[in-house]
Protein backbone atom coordinates (compact mmCIF):
# COMPACT_ATOMS: atom_id res chain seq x y z
CA MET A 1 -1.59 -15.70 21.06
CA THR A 2 0.89 -15.75 18.19
CA MET A 3 4.04 -13.73 18.77
CA LEU A 4 6.43 -13.21 15.86
CA THR A 5 10.00 -11.99 15.76
CA ILE A 6 10.98 -8.98 13.72
CA GLY A 7 12.60 -11.29 11.16
CA ALA A 8 9.40 -13.28 10.74
CA VAL A 9 7.34 -10.10 10.36
CA ALA A 10 9.83 -8.72 7.84
CA ALA A 11 9.58 -11.92 5.81
CA GLN A 12 5.78 -11.94 6.01
CA THR A 13 5.26 -8.25 5.12
CA GLY A 14 8.15 -7.60 2.76
CA LEU A 15 9.31 -4.72 4.96
CA THR A 16 12.89 -4.68 6.16
CA GLU A 17 13.72 -5.02 9.84
CA HIS A 18 15.11 -1.50 9.63
CA THR A 19 11.79 -0.19 8.30
CA LEU A 20 9.85 -1.96 11.06
CA ARG A 21 12.10 -0.38 13.70
CA TYR A 22 11.77 3.01 11.99
CA TYR A 23 7.96 2.77 11.89
CA GLU A 24 7.99 2.06 15.62
CA LYS A 25 10.46 4.88 16.31
CA ILE A 26 8.40 7.54 14.50
CA GLY A 27 5.11 6.35 16.00
CA LEU A 28 3.57 4.71 12.98
CA LEU A 29 3.59 1.46 14.94
CA ASP A 30 2.72 1.34 18.61
CA PRO A 31 5.57 0.13 20.82
CA VAL A 32 6.00 -3.58 20.20
CA PRO A 33 6.13 -5.84 23.26
CA ARG A 34 9.52 -7.40 24.02
CA GLY A 35 10.41 -10.95 24.88
CA PRO A 36 12.70 -12.02 27.72
CA GLY A 37 15.84 -11.22 25.69
CA GLY A 38 14.53 -7.82 24.64
CA GLN A 39 13.54 -8.98 21.17
CA ARG A 40 10.42 -7.50 19.64
CA ARG A 41 7.43 -9.85 19.67
CA TYR A 42 4.77 -8.80 17.19
CA ARG A 43 1.15 -9.73 17.87
CA GLU A 44 -1.64 -10.51 15.43
CA GLN A 45 -3.02 -6.97 15.90
CA ASP A 46 0.38 -5.55 14.94
CA LEU A 47 0.29 -7.59 11.73
CA ARG A 48 -3.24 -6.40 10.87
CA TRP A 49 -2.16 -2.79 11.42
CA LEU A 50 0.94 -3.31 9.25
CA GLU A 51 -1.21 -4.81 6.51
CA PHE A 52 -3.39 -1.69 6.57
CA LEU A 53 -0.32 0.57 6.50
CA LEU A 54 1.08 -1.36 3.54
CA ARG A 55 -2.16 -0.86 1.65
CA LEU A 56 -2.09 2.86 2.38
CA ARG A 57 1.52 3.01 1.25
CA ALA A 58 0.71 1.03 -1.91
CA THR A 59 -1.89 3.62 -2.83
CA GLY A 60 0.57 6.46 -2.37
CA MET A 61 -0.57 7.88 0.95
CA PRO A 62 2.14 10.20 2.23
CA LEU A 63 3.91 9.16 5.42
CA ARG A 64 2.75 12.34 7.18
CA ASP A 65 -0.90 11.37 6.53
CA MET A 66 -0.26 7.83 7.73
CA LEU A 67 1.28 9.28 10.89
CA ALA A 68 -1.71 11.60 11.40
CA TYR A 69 -4.03 8.63 11.06
CA ALA A 70 -1.95 6.58 13.51
CA GLU A 71 -1.97 9.42 16.04
CA GLN A 72 -5.75 9.69 15.86
CA ARG A 73 -6.07 5.92 16.13
CA ARG A 74 -4.17 6.07 19.42
CA VAL A 75 -6.52 8.79 20.69
CA GLY A 76 -9.33 6.26 20.53
CA ASN A 77 -12.86 6.33 19.22
CA THR A 78 -13.84 9.84 20.22
CA ALA A 79 -16.18 11.80 17.95
CA GLU A 80 -13.35 14.10 16.90
CA SER A 81 -10.86 11.30 16.26
CA LEU A 82 -13.34 9.25 14.26
CA ALA A 83 -14.27 12.28 12.14
CA LEU A 84 -10.61 13.13 11.49
CA ARG A 85 -9.75 9.56 10.49
CA ARG A 86 -12.81 9.33 8.24
CA LYS A 87 -11.94 12.64 6.53
CA LEU A 88 -8.33 11.60 6.05
CA LEU A 89 -9.33 8.29 4.48
CA ALA A 90 -12.06 9.89 2.37
CA ALA A 91 -9.64 12.46 0.96
CA HIS A 92 -7.16 9.72 0.16
CA ALA A 93 -9.86 7.55 -1.40
CA ASP A 94 -10.77 10.47 -3.68
CA LYS A 95 -7.13 10.77 -4.79
CA VAL A 96 -6.94 7.02 -5.43
CA ALA A 97 -10.17 7.14 -7.47
CA GLU A 98 -8.74 9.98 -9.57
CA GLU A 99 -5.53 8.03 -10.17
CA ILE A 100 -7.53 4.95 -11.19
CA ALA A 101 -9.55 7.03 -13.65
CA VAL A 102 -6.37 8.39 -15.22
CA LEU A 103 -4.89 4.89 -15.43
CA GLN A 104 -8.10 3.52 -16.99
CA SER A 105 -8.04 6.28 -19.61
CA THR A 106 -4.37 5.62 -20.34
CA LEU A 107 -5.03 1.88 -20.61
CA GLN A 108 -7.80 2.52 -23.16
CA LEU A 109 -5.42 4.71 -25.16
CA LEU A 110 -2.73 2.02 -25.11
CA GLN A 111 -5.20 -0.70 -26.11
CA GLY A 112 -6.39 1.49 -28.99
CA LYS A 113 -2.83 1.97 -30.21
CA ILE A 114 -2.16 -1.78 -29.93
CA ASP A 115 -5.27 -2.45 -32.05
CA ILE A 116 -4.05 0.04 -34.68
CA TYR A 117 -0.68 -1.74 -34.90
CA ARG A 118 -2.39 -5.12 -35.16
CA GLY A 119 -4.46 -3.79 -38.04
CA TRP A 120 -1.42 -2.38 -39.80
CA GLU A 121 0.49 -5.63 -39.29
CA ALA A 122 -2.42 -7.67 -40.64
CA SER A 123 -2.50 -5.54 -43.78
CA LEU A 124 1.16 -6.24 -44.59
CA PRO A 125 2.04 -8.91 -47.13
CA LEU A 126 2.78 -12.23 -45.41
CA SER A 127 6.48 -11.90 -46.13
CA TYR A 128 6.60 -8.80 -43.84
CA GLN A 129 4.62 -10.29 -40.96
CA LEU A 130 7.36 -11.38 -38.59
CA ASP A 131 5.63 -11.90 -35.26
CA LYS A 132 2.00 -12.97 -34.93
CA GLU A 133 1.70 -12.73 -31.12
């Protein structure tokens, strides 16, 4: 079993050591086992959980929702816990889908504007065309 120090996990995840300790303190991470000198020793399952948390964070899930999910995860696979986790993720997935739709629409608008400027630039006399990128 691979056991990593907090420094190694910080380097691997991009989180600071302070953030890792904070996540453990507030209950986002389960208590991390300690080595003989009291140093945290992260397991593979801790890294998988952190990867999931980072993806939730990257999509803008609020910390309170991440905490609610983590609490239900600790409850175990009861019917109620599974339903609550599913609903939480489904609601977040809906928000992410809405944000993607807005970004896609904005991207199309930007690409349209870029095409307009390319057309205008192409219609200028060669002496005015400075940059043909």
